[in-house]
Amino acid sequence: MAKCLYCQEKAGWFQAVCGDCKAMLAKLQELGTGFSFRDLLDALMATSASNAKIEKFLDADLRGQGSIRDMITARMTNELAMRVGQPTDTDSLKVKQIREEEKKRPQIPLKPGQCDPLRR
């Protein structure tokens, strides 16, 4: 039995994508291009997929160019920058690189109310 490309769970015989992920892909396509992240989450939660499966779906990086979440973040970042008159060329790969760099950043234990010195 094959594994789903998105959630890595059983997809069925000769299937690349499981039923839940197919339903989520259909919802994503229904939304078109001008949706908010909240609209996306509402649409995905309307499917029968569990919250854990939705998270796996959003974090799937099929081509190594960034996950679905990264693509949406890049689109929303570009839209926001355009609206405030700033040039931008953010894409899903750049969002992925920033996310991975943030994971590698040393975690400094902070006292309550103390500002993070690396974020100034």
C-alpha atoms as a PDB file:
ATOM      1  CA  MET A   1       0.000   0.000   0.000  1.00  0.00           C
ATOM      2  CA  ALA A   2       1.349   3.425  -0.981  1.00  0.00           C
ATOM      3  CA  LYS A   3       1.861   6.342   1.381  1.00  0.00           C
ATOM      4  CA  CYS A   4       0.218   9.709   0.826  1.00  0.00           C
ATOM      5  CA  LEU A   5       2.584  12.357  -0.546  1.00  0.00           C
ATOM      6  CA  TYR A   6       1.258  14.924   1.935  1.00  0.00           C
ATOM      7  CA  CYS A   7       0.588  13.194   5.253  1.00  0.00           C
ATOM      8  CA  GLN A   8       2.668  10.018   4.797  1.00  0.00           C
ATOM      9  CA  GLU A   9      -0.253   7.842   5.926  1.00  0.00           C
ATOM     10  CA  LYS A  10      -1.790   5.006   3.912  1.00  0.00           C
ATOM     11  CA  ALA A  11      -3.198   6.263   0.633  1.00  0.00           C
ATOM     12  CA  GLY A  12      -4.491   3.017  -0.843  1.00  0.00           C
ATOM     13  CA  TRP A  13      -3.463   0.776  -3.689  1.00  0.00           C
ATOM     14  CA  PHE A  14      -1.866   2.727  -6.536  1.00  0.00           C
ATOM     15  CA  GLN A  15      -2.879   6.032  -4.914  1.00  0.00           C
ATOM     16  CA  ALA A  16      -0.487   8.948  -4.418  1.00  0.00           C
ATOM     17  CA  VAL A  17      -2.785  10.979  -2.165  1.00  0.00           C
ATOM     18  CA  CYS A  18      -5.172   9.785   0.567  1.00  0.00           C
ATOM     19  CA  GLY A  19      -8.853  10.761   0.653  1.00  0.00           C
ATOM     20  CA  ASP A  20      -8.454  13.406   3.372  1.00  0.00           C
ATOM     21  CA  CYS A  21      -5.593  15.135   1.556  1.00  0.00           C
ATOM     22  CA  LYS A  22      -7.533  14.999  -1.734  1.00  0.00           C
ATOM     23  CA  ALA A  23     -10.410  16.767   0.012  1.00  0.00           C
ATOM     24  CA  MET A  24      -8.033  19.383   1.447  1.00  0.00           C
ATOM     25  CA  LEU A  25      -6.446  19.944  -1.983  1.00  0.00           C
ATOM     26  CA  ALA A  26      -9.906  20.461  -3.456  1.00  0.00           C
ATOM     27  CA  LYS A  27     -10.729  23.032  -0.744  1.00  0.00           C
ATOM     28  CA  LEU A  28      -7.429  24.805  -1.400  1.00  0.00           C
ATOM     29  CA  GLN A  29      -8.212  24.996  -5.125  1.00  0.00           C
ATOM     30  CA  GLU A  30     -11.760  26.241  -4.411  1.00  0.00           C
ATOM     31  CA  LEU A  31     -10.357  29.196  -2.452  1.00  0.00           C
ATOM     32  CA  GLY A  32      -8.487  30.540  -5.459  1.00  0.00           C
ATOM     33  CA  THR A  33      -5.697  33.050  -4.832  1.00  0.00           C
ATOM     34  CA  GLY A  34      -7.088  35.817  -2.623  1.00  0.00           C
ATOM     35  CA  PHE A  35      -7.732  34.103   0.693  1.00  0.00           C
ATOM     36  CA  SER A  36      -6.534  34.698   4.212  1.00  0.00           C
ATOM     37  CA  PHE A  37      -4.871  32.074   6.346  1.00  0.00           C
ATOM     38  CA  ARG A  38      -8.017  32.010   8.495  1.00  0.00           C
ATOM     39  CA  ASP A  39     -10.148  31.298   5.408  1.00  0.00           C
ATOM     40  CA  LEU A  40      -7.823  28.426   4.549  1.00  0.00           C
ATOM     41  CA  LEU A  41      -7.984  26.953   8.048  1.00  0.00           C
ATOM     42  CA  ASP A  42     -11.785  27.228   8.090  1.00  0.00           C
ATOM     43  CA  ALA A  43     -11.980  25.447   4.723  1.00  0.00           C
ATOM     44  CA  LEU A  44      -9.585  22.684   5.804  1.00  0.00           C
ATOM     45  CA  MET A  45     -11.374  22.197   9.114  1.00  0.00           C
ATOM     46  CA  ALA A  46     -14.640  21.748   7.178  1.00  0.00           C
ATOM     47  CA  THR A  47     -13.189  18.517   5.745  1.00  0.00           C
ATOM     48  CA  SER A  48     -13.191  15.297   7.761  1.00  0.00           C
ATOM     49  CA  ALA A  49      -9.422  15.522   8.321  1.00  0.00           C
ATOM     50  CA  SER A  50      -8.082  15.635  11.864  1.00  0.00           C
ATOM     51  CA  ASN A  51      -6.140  18.652  13.127  1.00  0.00           C
ATOM     52  CA  ALA A  52      -2.935  16.583  13.091  1.00  0.00           C
ATOM     53  CA  LYS A  53      -3.506  15.645   9.452  1.00  0.00           C
ATOM     54  CA  ILE A  54      -4.192  19.281   8.542  1.00  0.00           C
ATOM     55  CA  GLU A  55      -0.857  20.237  10.121  1.00  0.00           C
ATOM     56  CA  LYS A  56       0.942  17.502   8.148  1.00  0.00           C
ATOM     57  CA  PHE A  57      -0.770  18.691   4.964  1.00  0.00           C
ATOM     58  CA  LEU A  58       0.287  22.319   5.530  1.00  0.00           C
ATOM     59  CA  ASP A  59       3.865  21.260   6.316  1.00  0.00           C
ATOM     60  CA  ALA A  60       4.240  18.985   3.262  1.00  0.00           C
ATOM     61  CA  ASP A  61       7.177  20.047   1.096  1.00  0.00           C
ATOM     62  CA  LEU A  62       6.862  17.939  -2.040  1.00  0.00           C
ATOM     63  CA  ARG A  63       9.457  19.700  -4.200  1.00  0.00           C
ATOM     64  CA  GLY A  64      11.867  20.945  -1.538  1.00  0.00           C
ATOM     65  CA  GLN A  65      10.871  24.530  -2.333  1.00  0.00           C
ATOM     66  CA  GLY A  66       8.818  25.182   0.787  1.00  0.00           C
ATOM     67  CA  SER A  67       5.656  23.803   2.292  1.00  0.00           C
ATOM     68  CA  ILE A  68       2.101  24.850   1.551  1.00  0.00           C
ATOM     69  CA  ARG A  69       2.294  26.959   4.721  1.00  0.00           C
ATOM     70  CA  ASP A  70       5.484  28.610   3.374  1.00  0.00           C
ATOM     71  CA  MET A  71       3.807  29.388   0.038  1.00  0.00           C
ATOM     72  CA  ILE A  72       0.857  31.010   1.772  1.00  0.00           C
ATOM     73  CA  THR A  73       3.130  32.973   4.113  1.00  0.00           C
ATOM     74  CA  ALA A  74       5.170  34.244   1.147  1.00  0.00           C
ATOM     75  CA  ARG A  75       2.027  35.310  -0.729  1.00  0.00           C
ATOM     76  CA  MET A  76       0.620  37.109   2.307  1.00  0.00           C
ATOM     77  CA  THR A  77       3.978  38.811   2.995  1.00  0.00           C
ATOM     78  CA  ASN A  78       4.154  40.078  -0.593  1.00  0.00           C
ATOM     79  CA  GLU A  79       0.560  41.357  -0.467  1.00  0.00           C
ATOM     80  CA  LEU A  80       1.191  43.203   2.791  1.00  0.00           C
ATOM     81  CA  ALA A  81       4.421  44.742   1.519  1.00  0.00           C
ATOM     82  CA  MET A  82       2.709  45.882  -1.693  1.00  0.00           C
ATOM     83  CA  ARG A  83      -0.097  47.534   0.262  1.00  0.00           C
ATOM     84  CA  VAL A  84       2.354  49.567   2.332  1.00  0.00           C
ATOM     85  CA  GLY A  85       4.404  50.461  -0.749  1.00  0.00           C
ATOM     86  CA  GLN A  86       7.470  48.342  -0.069  1.00  0.00           C
ATOM     87  CA  PRO A  87       9.235  46.287  -2.735  1.00  0.00           C
ATOM     88  CA  THR A  88       9.377  42.578  -2.029  1.00  0.00           C
ATOM     89  CA  ASP A  89      10.303  39.350  -3.742  1.00  0.00           C
ATOM     90  CA  THR A  90       9.587  36.850  -0.988  1.00  0.00           C
ATOM     91  CA  ASP A  91       8.925  33.322  -2.189  1.00  0.00           C
ATOM     92  CA  SER A  92       8.280  30.020  -0.420  1.00  0.00           C
ATOM     93  CA  LEU A  93      11.957  29.052  -0.542  1.00  0.00           C
ATOM     94  CA  LYS A  94      12.963  32.233   1.306  1.00  0.00           C
ATOM     95  CA  VAL A  95      10.269  31.620   3.925  1.00  0.00           C
ATOM     96  CA  LYS A  96      11.535  28.047   4.333  1.00  0.00           C
ATOM     97  CA  GLN A  97      15.119  29.286   4.799  1.00  0.00           C
ATOM     98  CA  ILE A  98      14.038  31.831   7.416  1.00  0.00           C
ATOM     99  CA  ARG A  99      12.014  29.170   9.269  1.00  0.00           C
ATOM    100  CA  GLU A 100      14.976  26.756   9.271  1.00  0.00           C
ATOM    101  CA  GLU A 101      17.408  29.470  10.430  1.00  0.00           C
ATOM    102  CA  GLU A 102      15.041  30.344  13.275  1.00  0.00           C
ATOM    103  CA  LYS A 103      15.093  26.710  14.434  1.00  0.00           C
ATOM    104  CA  LYS A 104      18.913  26.779  14.541  1.00  0.00           C
ATOM    105  CA  ARG A 105      19.052  30.051  16.489  1.00  0.00           C
ATOM    106  CA  PRO A 106      20.296  29.513  20.049  1.00  0.00           C
ATOM    107  CA  GLN A 107      17.555  29.679  22.629  1.00  0.00           C
ATOM    108  CA  ILE A 108      18.491  32.014  25.451  1.00  0.00           C
ATOM    109  CA  PRO A 109      16.603  31.442  28.693  1.00  0.00           C
ATOM    110  CA  LEU A 110      14.765  34.656  29.493  1.00  0.00           C
ATOM    111  CA  LYS A 111      13.267  35.867  32.732  1.00  0.00           C
ATOM    112  CA  PRO A 112       9.607  36.933  32.670  1.00  0.00           C
ATOM    113  CA  GLY A 113       9.350  40.357  31.027  1.00  0.00           C
ATOM    114  CA  GLN A 114      12.931  40.289  29.681  1.00  0.00           C
ATOM    115  CA  CYS A 115      13.351  41.160  25.979  1.00  0.00           C
ATOM    116  CA  ASP A 116      15.123  38.776  23.639  1.00  0.00           C
ATOM    117  CA  PRO A 117      18.531  40.402  22.899  1.00  0.00           C
ATOM    118  CA  LEU A 118      18.722  38.758  19.446  1.00  0.00           C
ATOM    119  CA  ARG A 119      15.474  40.382  18.294  1.00  0.00           C
ATOM    120  CA  ARG A 120      16.483  44.026  18.776  1.00  0.00           C
END
